[in-house]
Amino acid sequence: MVLKYTITGKEFEMATSTIQNNIRKLRFEADEMTQQELADRARVSRQTIVAIEKGNYSPSLELAFRLAHIFNTPLDQVFIYEPEDKA
C-alpha cells in the first residue's frame, strides 16, 4: 500500500509498513506478566500496551527500546518490521 499526500503543491508517496510484535508471547514467557504489570514497568497505560499488542499502535522508538529492555530481549525479537512491497 502506498499513501499519497500533497504538501505545498507537490505530491509525495510514502510506502506503508507493518510492524508485528511478540509482546504477548514475551509476557507469557515472563511468568505470565500482565498487561498492567508491563505498563507500569514501561511507564505507559495498560491501554497503550493493548493497542501495541493488537497492532493498532506503533510505539515510539524510546518505548520500543524500553520494552525490549524490560524483557531483556533484542529489539528485533520484540518488534518485527515488514515493509510492504510497492506495487
N, C-alpha and C. Protein backbone atom coordinates (compact mmCIF):
# COMPACT_ATOMS: atom_id res chain seq x y z
N MET A 1 0.85 -1.18 0.00
CA MET A 1 0.00 0.00 0.00
C MET A 1 0.89 1.24 0.00
N VAL A 2 0.53 2.22 -0.78
CA VAL A 2 1.28 3.46 -0.87
C VAL A 2 0.34 4.60 -0.52
N LEU A 3 0.75 5.42 0.43
CA LEU A 3 -0.03 6.59 0.79
C LEU A 3 0.46 7.77 -0.03
N LYS A 4 -0.46 8.56 -0.55
CA LYS A 4 -0.09 9.75 -1.31
C LYS A 4 -0.58 10.97 -0.54
N TYR A 5 0.27 11.98 -0.49
CA TYR A 5 -0.13 13.21 0.16
C TYR A 5 0.50 14.38 -0.56
N THR A 6 -0.07 15.55 -0.38
CA THR A 6 0.40 16.74 -1.07
C THR A 6 0.81 17.79 -0.04
N ILE A 7 2.00 18.34 -0.26
CA ILE A 7 2.49 19.43 0.59
C ILE A 7 2.93 20.56 -0.34
N THR A 8 2.39 21.72 -0.11
CA THR A 8 2.70 22.92 -0.93
C THR A 8 2.71 22.60 -2.42
N GLY A 9 1.66 21.91 -2.88
CA GLY A 9 1.50 21.65 -4.29
C GLY A 9 2.31 20.50 -4.85
N LYS A 10 3.16 19.88 -4.06
CA LYS A 10 3.95 18.74 -4.53
C LYS A 10 3.39 17.45 -3.95
N GLU A 11 3.26 16.46 -4.80
CA GLU A 11 2.72 15.17 -4.35
C GLU A 11 3.86 14.26 -3.93
N PHE A 12 3.69 13.61 -2.80
CA PHE A 12 4.67 12.69 -2.27
C PHE A 12 4.02 11.33 -2.07
N GLU A 13 4.82 10.29 -2.16
CA GLU A 13 4.35 8.94 -1.86
C GLU A 13 5.12 8.42 -0.66
N MET A 14 4.43 7.71 0.19
CA MET A 14 5.06 7.12 1.35
C MET A 14 4.59 5.67 1.45
N ALA A 15 5.52 4.74 1.34
CA ALA A 15 5.16 3.33 1.46
C ALA A 15 4.80 3.04 2.91
N THR A 16 3.78 2.26 3.09
CA THR A 16 3.40 1.87 4.44
C THR A 16 4.14 0.59 4.81
N SER A 17 4.16 0.31 6.07
CA SER A 17 4.83 -0.91 6.53
C SER A 17 4.00 -1.52 7.64
N THR A 18 4.33 -2.74 7.94
CA THR A 18 3.66 -3.44 9.01
C THR A 18 4.69 -3.78 10.07
N ILE A 19 4.37 -3.45 11.29
CA ILE A 19 5.25 -3.80 12.40
C ILE A 19 4.51 -4.83 13.25
N GLN A 20 5.05 -6.02 13.28
CA GLN A 20 4.49 -7.09 14.12
C GLN A 20 5.21 -7.04 15.47
N ASN A 21 4.64 -7.69 16.47
CA ASN A 21 5.34 -7.73 17.75
C ASN A 21 5.09 -9.05 18.46
N ASN A 22 5.98 -9.36 19.37
CA ASN A 22 5.91 -10.60 20.17
C ASN A 22 5.65 -10.30 21.64
N ILE A 23 5.02 -9.17 21.92
CA ILE A 23 4.85 -8.76 23.32
C ILE A 23 4.01 -9.75 24.11
N ARG A 24 2.92 -10.20 23.55
CA ARG A 24 2.06 -11.15 24.28
C ARG A 24 2.85 -12.41 24.63
N LYS A 25 3.58 -12.95 23.66
CA LYS A 25 4.40 -14.14 23.88
C LYS A 25 5.46 -13.88 24.95
N LEU A 26 6.12 -12.73 24.87
CA LEU A 26 7.16 -12.39 25.84
C LEU A 26 6.58 -12.22 27.24
N ARG A 27 5.38 -11.64 27.32
CA ARG A 27 4.73 -11.52 28.64
C ARG A 27 4.45 -12.90 29.23
N PHE A 28 3.97 -13.81 28.38
CA PHE A 28 3.68 -15.17 28.85
C PHE A 28 4.95 -15.84 29.36
N GLU A 29 6.04 -15.67 28.60
CA GLU A 29 7.32 -16.28 28.98
C GLU A 29 7.94 -15.63 30.22
N ALA A 30 7.49 -14.42 30.54
CA ALA A 30 7.99 -13.71 31.72
C ALA A 30 7.03 -13.93 32.89
N ASP A 31 6.84 -15.19 33.24
CA ASP A 31 5.96 -15.57 34.36
C ASP A 31 4.55 -15.02 34.20
N GLU A 32 4.05 -15.05 32.96
CA GLU A 32 2.71 -14.59 32.66
C GLU A 32 2.45 -13.17 33.18
N MET A 33 3.39 -12.28 32.86
CA MET A 33 3.27 -10.87 33.24
C MET A 33 1.97 -10.32 32.66
N THR A 34 1.24 -9.56 33.46
CA THR A 34 0.00 -8.97 32.97
C THR A 34 0.31 -7.72 32.15
N GLN A 35 -0.69 -7.31 31.38
CA GLN A 35 -0.54 -6.07 30.62
C GLN A 35 -0.33 -4.90 31.57
N GLN A 36 -1.00 -4.91 32.71
CA GLN A 36 -0.85 -3.81 33.67
C GLN A 36 0.55 -3.80 34.27
N GLU A 37 1.09 -4.97 34.58
CA GLU A 37 2.46 -5.03 35.12
C GLU A 37 3.46 -4.48 34.10
N LEU A 38 3.30 -4.86 32.84
CA LEU A 38 4.19 -4.36 31.80
C LEU A 38 4.01 -2.85 31.64
N ALA A 39 2.79 -2.40 31.63
CA ALA A 39 2.52 -0.97 31.50
C ALA A 39 3.18 -0.19 32.63
N ASP A 40 3.07 -0.68 33.86
CA ASP A 40 3.68 0.00 35.00
C ASP A 40 5.19 0.08 34.84
N ARG A 41 5.80 -1.01 34.43
CA ARG A 41 7.26 -1.03 34.26
C ARG A 41 7.71 -0.14 33.11
N ALA A 42 6.88 -0.05 32.06
CA ALA A 42 7.23 0.76 30.89
C ALA A 42 6.80 2.22 31.04
N ARG A 43 6.06 2.51 32.12
CA ARG A 43 5.56 3.86 32.40
C ARG A 43 4.60 4.37 31.32
N VAL A 44 3.68 3.47 30.93
CA VAL A 44 2.61 3.83 29.99
C VAL A 44 1.31 3.26 30.53
N SER A 45 0.21 3.54 29.86
CA SER A 45 -1.07 3.00 30.30
C SER A 45 -1.24 1.56 29.80
N ARG A 46 -2.12 0.83 30.47
CA ARG A 46 -2.43 -0.52 30.02
C ARG A 46 -3.04 -0.48 28.63
N GLN A 47 -3.81 0.56 28.35
CA GLN A 47 -4.43 0.70 27.03
C GLN A 47 -3.38 0.83 25.93
N THR A 48 -2.26 1.46 26.24
CA THR A 48 -1.17 1.57 25.27
C THR A 48 -0.60 0.19 24.96
N ILE A 49 -0.41 -0.63 25.99
CA ILE A 49 0.11 -1.99 25.79
C ILE A 49 -0.88 -2.80 24.96
N VAL A 50 -2.17 -2.68 25.26
CA VAL A 50 -3.21 -3.38 24.50
C VAL A 50 -3.14 -2.98 23.03
N ALA A 51 -3.06 -1.68 22.77
CA ALA A 51 -3.03 -1.19 21.39
C ALA A 51 -1.78 -1.67 20.64
N ILE A 52 -0.64 -1.69 21.32
CA ILE A 52 0.59 -2.19 20.69
C ILE A 52 0.45 -3.67 20.38
N GLU A 53 -0.02 -4.45 21.34
CA GLU A 53 -0.18 -5.90 21.14
C GLU A 53 -1.11 -6.19 19.96
N LYS A 54 -2.17 -5.42 19.83
CA LYS A 54 -3.14 -5.65 18.76
C LYS A 54 -2.65 -5.13 17.41
N GLY A 55 -1.55 -4.38 17.41
CA GLY A 55 -1.05 -3.81 16.18
C GLY A 55 -1.77 -2.54 15.76
N ASN A 56 -2.52 -1.96 16.67
CA ASN A 56 -3.24 -0.71 16.38
C ASN A 56 -2.39 0.53 16.61
N TYR A 57 -1.23 0.35 17.23
CA TYR A 57 -0.38 1.48 17.58
C TYR A 57 1.08 1.04 17.50
N SER A 58 1.88 1.85 16.84
CA SER A 58 3.32 1.59 16.79
C SER A 58 3.98 2.48 17.84
N PRO A 59 4.74 1.90 18.75
CA PRO A 59 5.32 2.69 19.83
C PRO A 59 6.43 3.61 19.33
N SER A 60 6.73 4.61 20.12
CA SER A 60 7.88 5.46 19.82
C SER A 60 9.13 4.61 19.91
N LEU A 61 10.19 5.10 19.35
CA LEU A 61 11.46 4.38 19.40
C LEU A 61 11.90 4.19 20.85
N GLU A 62 11.72 5.21 21.66
CA GLU A 62 12.10 5.12 23.07
C GLU A 62 11.31 4.03 23.78
N LEU A 63 10.01 3.97 23.57
CA LEU A 63 9.18 2.95 24.21
C LEU A 63 9.53 1.56 23.69
N ALA A 64 9.82 1.45 22.41
CA ALA A 64 10.21 0.15 21.86
C ALA A 64 11.48 -0.36 22.55
N PHE A 65 12.46 0.51 22.71
CA PHE A 65 13.69 0.11 23.40
C PHE A 65 13.42 -0.21 24.88
N ARG A 66 12.54 0.56 25.50
CA ARG A 66 12.20 0.31 26.91
C ARG A 66 11.57 -1.07 27.07
N LEU A 67 10.66 -1.43 26.16
CA LEU A 67 10.01 -2.75 26.22
C LEU A 67 11.03 -3.86 26.01
N ALA A 68 11.93 -3.68 25.04
CA ALA A 68 12.97 -4.69 24.81
C ALA A 68 13.84 -4.86 26.05
N HIS A 69 14.16 -3.75 26.70
CA HIS A 69 14.98 -3.80 27.92
C HIS A 69 14.25 -4.53 29.05
N ILE A 70 12.97 -4.29 29.19
CA ILE A 70 12.18 -4.95 30.24
C ILE A 70 12.24 -6.47 30.06
N PHE A 71 12.15 -6.91 28.81
CA PHE A 71 12.19 -8.35 28.54
C PHE A 71 13.61 -8.89 28.37
N ASN A 72 14.60 -7.99 28.47
CA ASN A 72 16.00 -8.39 28.29
C ASN A 72 16.16 -9.15 26.96
N THR A 73 15.57 -8.56 25.93
CA THR A 73 15.50 -9.18 24.61
C THR A 73 15.89 -8.15 23.55
N PRO A 74 16.63 -8.56 22.52
CA PRO A 74 16.96 -7.61 21.45
C PRO A 74 15.69 -7.03 20.81
N LEU A 75 15.79 -5.79 20.42
CA LEU A 75 14.65 -5.08 19.85
C LEU A 75 14.03 -5.84 18.68
N ASP A 76 14.86 -6.44 17.83
CA ASP A 76 14.32 -7.13 16.66
C ASP A 76 13.66 -8.46 16.99
N GLN A 77 13.69 -8.85 18.26
CA GLN A 77 12.93 -10.03 18.69
C GLN A 77 11.63 -9.63 19.38
N VAL A 78 11.51 -8.34 19.69
CA VAL A 78 10.26 -7.83 20.25
C VAL A 78 9.38 -7.31 19.12
N PHE A 79 10.00 -6.57 18.20
CA PHE A 79 9.28 -5.99 17.06
C PHE A 79 9.88 -6.48 15.76
N ILE A 80 9.02 -6.81 14.82
CA ILE A 80 9.46 -7.30 13.50
C ILE A 80 8.92 -6.33 12.46
N TYR A 81 9.83 -5.71 11.73
CA TYR A 81 9.47 -4.75 10.69
C TYR A 81 9.35 -5.47 9.37
N GLU A 82 8.20 -5.33 8.72
CA GLU A 82 7.95 -5.96 7.42
C GLU A 82 7.46 -4.90 6.46
N PRO A 83 8.37 -4.34 5.63
CA PRO A 83 7.91 -3.34 4.66
C PRO A 83 7.01 -3.99 3.61
N GLU A 84 6.02 -3.24 3.18
CA GLU A 84 5.15 -3.74 2.12
C GLU A 84 5.79 -3.36 0.80
N ASP A 85 5.76 -4.29 -0.15
CA ASP A 85 6.32 -4.03 -1.47
C ASP A 85 5.48 -3.01 -2.20
N LYS A 86 6.16 -2.15 -2.94
CA LYS A 86 5.45 -1.21 -3.80
C LYS A 86 4.91 -1.95 -5.00
N ALA A 87 3.69 -1.74 -5.31
CA ALA A 87 3.07 -2.42 -6.47
C ALA A 87 3.23 -1.60 -7.72
